[in-house]
Protein backbone atom coordinates (compact mmCIF):
# COMPACT_ATOMS: atom_id res chain seq x y z
CA MET A 1 -7.30 113.29 52.33
CA LEU A 2 -6.54 111.79 48.76
CA PHE A 3 -3.27 112.73 48.68
CA LEU A 4 -2.77 111.27 52.04
CA ILE A 5 -4.28 107.92 51.21
CA ILE A 6 -2.36 108.11 47.69
CA GLY A 7 1.23 108.65 49.89
CA LEU A 8 0.26 106.06 52.26
CA ILE A 9 -0.56 103.51 49.80
CA LEU A 10 2.79 104.16 48.21
CA PHE A 11 4.86 104.60 50.75
CA LEU A 12 3.47 101.95 52.91
CA GLY A 13 2.90 99.32 50.07
CA LEU A 14 6.17 99.15 49.03
CA HIS A 15 7.75 99.19 52.74
CA SER A 16 5.77 95.88 52.41
CA LEU A 17 6.89 93.99 50.15
CA ARG A 18 8.83 92.08 52.50
CA ILE A 19 5.76 91.70 54.67
CA PHE A 20 3.41 89.67 52.00
CA ASP A 21 5.12 89.10 49.38
CA GLU A 22 8.70 88.85 49.75
CA PRO A 23 8.79 86.91 46.00
CA VAL A 24 7.69 90.18 44.75
CA ARG A 25 10.69 91.72 46.10
CA ALA A 26 13.46 89.23 45.21
CA ARG A 27 12.08 89.02 41.36
CA LEU A 28 12.52 93.41 41.24
CA LEU A 29 15.81 92.42 43.07
CA GLU A 30 17.32 90.69 40.18
CA ARG A 31 15.43 92.44 37.29
CA LEU A 32 16.92 95.56 38.21
CA GLY A 33 19.61 94.70 40.26
CA GLU A 34 20.11 96.66 43.88
CA GLY A 35 21.56 99.60 42.27
CA GLY A 36 18.63 100.16 40.14
CA PHE A 37 15.95 98.92 43.03
CA LYS A 38 17.43 101.46 45.62
CA VAL A 39 16.98 103.22 43.23
CA ILE A 40 13.99 103.55 41.99
CA TYR A 41 12.80 102.68 45.89
CA SER A 42 13.90 105.58 46.97
CA LEU A 43 12.39 107.97 44.74
CA ALA A 44 8.59 106.05 44.67
CA SER A 45 9.20 106.16 49.14
CA ILE A 46 10.36 109.80 48.42
CA ILE A 47 7.16 110.44 46.23
CA GLY A 48 5.15 108.81 49.18
CA PHE A 49 6.25 110.04 52.01
CA ALA A 50 5.91 113.86 50.13
CA LEU A 51 2.06 113.16 49.10
CA ILE A 52 1.89 112.25 52.91
CA TRP A 53 3.52 115.49 54.44
CA TYR A 54 1.28 117.58 51.64
CA GLY A 55 -2.29 115.67 52.26
CA TYR A 56 -1.75 115.56 56.06
CA GLY A 57 -1.32 118.88 55.57
CA GLN A 58 -4.26 119.56 54.22
CA ALA A 59 -6.53 117.81 56.30
CA ARG A 60 -5.37 119.47 58.66
CA GLN A 61 -6.93 122.47 57.04
CA ALA A 62 -10.40 121.35 57.05
CA PRO A 63 -10.76 119.00 60.49
CA SER A 64 -13.15 116.36 60.89
CA MET A 65 -12.92 115.93 64.33
CA VAL A 66 -14.07 112.04 65.54
CA TRP A 67 -12.87 112.84 69.42
CA ASN A 68 -11.65 114.72 71.37
CA PRO A 69 -8.69 113.35 73.72
CA PRO A 70 -8.49 115.13 76.78
CA VAL A 71 -5.21 116.70 77.76
CA ALA A 72 -3.85 114.33 79.46
CA MET A 73 -3.20 112.66 76.25
CA ARG A 74 -1.24 114.48 74.73
CA HIS A 75 1.35 114.23 77.97
CA ILE A 76 1.85 110.16 77.68
CA ALA A 77 2.20 111.06 74.42
CA THR A 78 5.10 112.78 74.78
CA LEU A 79 6.58 110.77 77.04
CA LEU A 80 6.17 107.83 74.74
CA THR A 81 7.53 110.22 72.03
CA LEU A 82 10.72 110.05 74.20
CA VAL A 83 10.29 106.08 74.76
CA SER A 84 10.41 105.80 70.55
CA PHE A 85 13.48 108.42 69.47
CA ILE A 86 15.19 106.04 71.86
CA ILE A 87 14.64 103.06 70.54
CA LEU A 88 14.97 104.54 66.91
CA ALA A 89 18.64 105.15 67.81
CA ALA A 90 18.92 101.94 68.91
CA ALA A 91 18.77 101.04 65.42
CA TYR A 92 21.36 102.96 64.01
CA VAL A 93 24.47 103.19 67.20
CA PRO A 94 25.95 99.34 67.55
CA ARG A 95 26.22 96.83 70.75
CA ASN A 96 23.20 98.06 72.72
CA ARG A 97 20.89 96.27 74.74
CA ILE A 98 17.93 97.55 73.00
CA LYS A 99 18.54 96.69 69.62
CA ARG A 100 20.06 93.10 71.12
CA ALA A 101 16.67 92.97 73.03
CA ILE A 102 13.98 94.03 70.85
CA GLY A 103 16.28 92.68 67.44
CA HIS A 104 13.93 95.55 64.96
CA PRO A 105 14.06 98.75 66.83
CA MET A 106 13.21 100.84 63.88
CA VAL A 107 9.90 98.45 63.44
CA ILE A 108 9.40 99.08 67.11
CA ALA A 109 9.63 103.00 67.06
CA VAL A 110 7.41 103.26 64.54
CA LYS A 111 5.22 101.75 66.42
CA VAL A 112 5.75 103.40 69.52
CA TRP A 113 5.69 106.66 67.65
CA ALA A 114 2.12 105.81 65.53
CA PHE A 115 0.28 104.48 69.16
CA ALA A 116 1.26 107.87 70.82
CA HIS A 117 0.36 110.09 68.03
CA LEU A 118 -3.31 107.97 67.65
CA LEU A 119 -3.64 108.72 71.83
CA ALA A 120 -3.04 112.68 71.39
CA ASN A 121 -5.10 113.04 68.11
CA GLY A 122 -8.85 112.72 67.21
CA MET A 123 -9.31 113.98 63.40
CA VAL A 124 -10.16 111.23 60.93
CA ALA A 125 -6.54 112.12 59.05
CA ASP A 126 -4.72 111.67 62.36
CA ILE A 127 -6.12 107.73 62.71
CA VAL A 128 -6.01 107.27 58.95
CA LEU A 129 -1.77 108.19 59.54
CA PHE A 130 -1.02 106.54 62.36
CA GLY A 131 -3.62 103.69 62.34
CA SER A 132 -1.89 103.10 59.10
CA PHE A 133 1.27 103.38 60.36
CA LEU A 134 0.71 101.27 63.21
CA ILE A 135 -0.95 98.87 61.67
CA TRP A 136 2.62 98.21 59.04
CA ALA A 137 4.15 97.31 62.17
CA VAL A 138 2.56 94.81 63.98
CA LEU A 139 2.65 93.58 60.48
CA SER A 140 6.51 94.41 59.76
CA PHE A 141 7.83 93.60 63.19
CA ARG A 142 5.67 89.83 62.81
CA ALA A 143 7.35 89.55 59.43
CA ALA A 144 11.06 90.24 60.44
CA ARG A 145 10.51 88.05 63.63
CA GLY A 146 9.63 85.54 61.45
CA ARG A 147 12.33 85.87 59.33
CA ASP A 148 15.03 86.39 61.69
CA ARG A 149 13.63 82.06 63.12
CA ALA A 150 13.44 80.01 59.33
CA ALA A 151 17.14 81.76 59.23
CA GLY A 152 17.73 80.75 62.81
CA PHE A 153 19.07 84.41 63.44
CA VAL A 154 21.05 84.99 66.45
CA ARG A 155 21.65 88.47 68.63
CA PRO A 156 24.91 89.06 69.05
CA PRO A 157 25.87 88.70 72.84
CA GLU A 158 27.59 91.66 72.99
CA VAL A 159 26.61 94.54 74.27
CA SER A 160 28.72 98.06 76.11
CA ILE A 161 27.06 100.20 78.77
CA VAL A 162 29.00 103.37 76.53
CA SER A 163 26.70 101.98 73.51
CA ASP A 164 23.72 102.12 75.99
CA ILE A 165 24.59 105.77 77.27
CA GLY A 166 24.90 106.76 73.83
CA THR A 167 21.59 105.25 72.31
CA PHE A 168 20.28 107.19 75.45
CA VAL A 169 21.77 110.27 74.44
CA ILE A 170 21.18 110.57 71.13
CA GLY A 171 17.91 109.33 71.90
CA LEU A 172 17.09 112.11 73.75
CA ILE A 173 19.00 115.41 71.69
CA ALA A 174 16.84 114.12 68.63
CA TRP A 175 13.84 113.93 70.47
CA ALA A 176 14.26 117.40 71.82
CA ALA A 177 15.16 119.12 68.24
CA PHE A 178 12.33 117.66 66.67
CA ALA A 179 9.94 118.25 69.97
CA ILE A 180 11.16 121.85 70.76
CA TRP A 181 12.13 123.05 66.86
CA LEU A 182 11.36 121.00 63.76
CA HIS A 183 8.00 119.44 64.42
CA GLY A 184 6.65 123.04 64.57
CA LEU A 185 8.80 123.79 61.73
CA LEU A 186 7.90 120.88 59.34
CA ILE A 187 4.73 119.72 61.02
CA GLY A 188 2.74 123.09 61.71
CA VAL A 189 2.57 121.62 65.78
CA LYS A 190 4.36 122.54 67.95
CA PRO A 191 4.12 120.07 70.82
CA PHE A 192 5.57 122.57 73.52
CA GLY A 193 4.18 125.83 72.66
């Protein structure tokens, strides 16, 4: 569990600079330059993510259960992760209604994903991992909305039905690929098998 916790501190700590200390982020950008900042940020994020992945895998080898979720929670989690993937797709497809409505779809997607996994999993490591991401996503969304208000940011009004359909289709395909194939390959758990 130690690697999981260190990875979470590194990964979420870096991704929390804009939440808790925007001036530190600004000073780092100034000192390192945009390119240098992105390289260091990316490398440290990859290391943090790798530690999370490794630490979670290790924690699953000797599970410490807090609760045993009912089977229905897995079904609810499956639907919520589908919603999460569609919202995540909205972060990248231009001119879609989801992005226009919520403003920061990637953070909302993380929030829904983390909540879904908390419903369906009951190990201590699950609560640490998904609970950390859920708390981070709540704080990150709040901070992002605050920055938007402070800057007077207005979302562009133009949307496209083609973009909306594309968002849904991309999210559905990505969800299916992950749920059917990648989740088992990368995490070792097959949601449908």
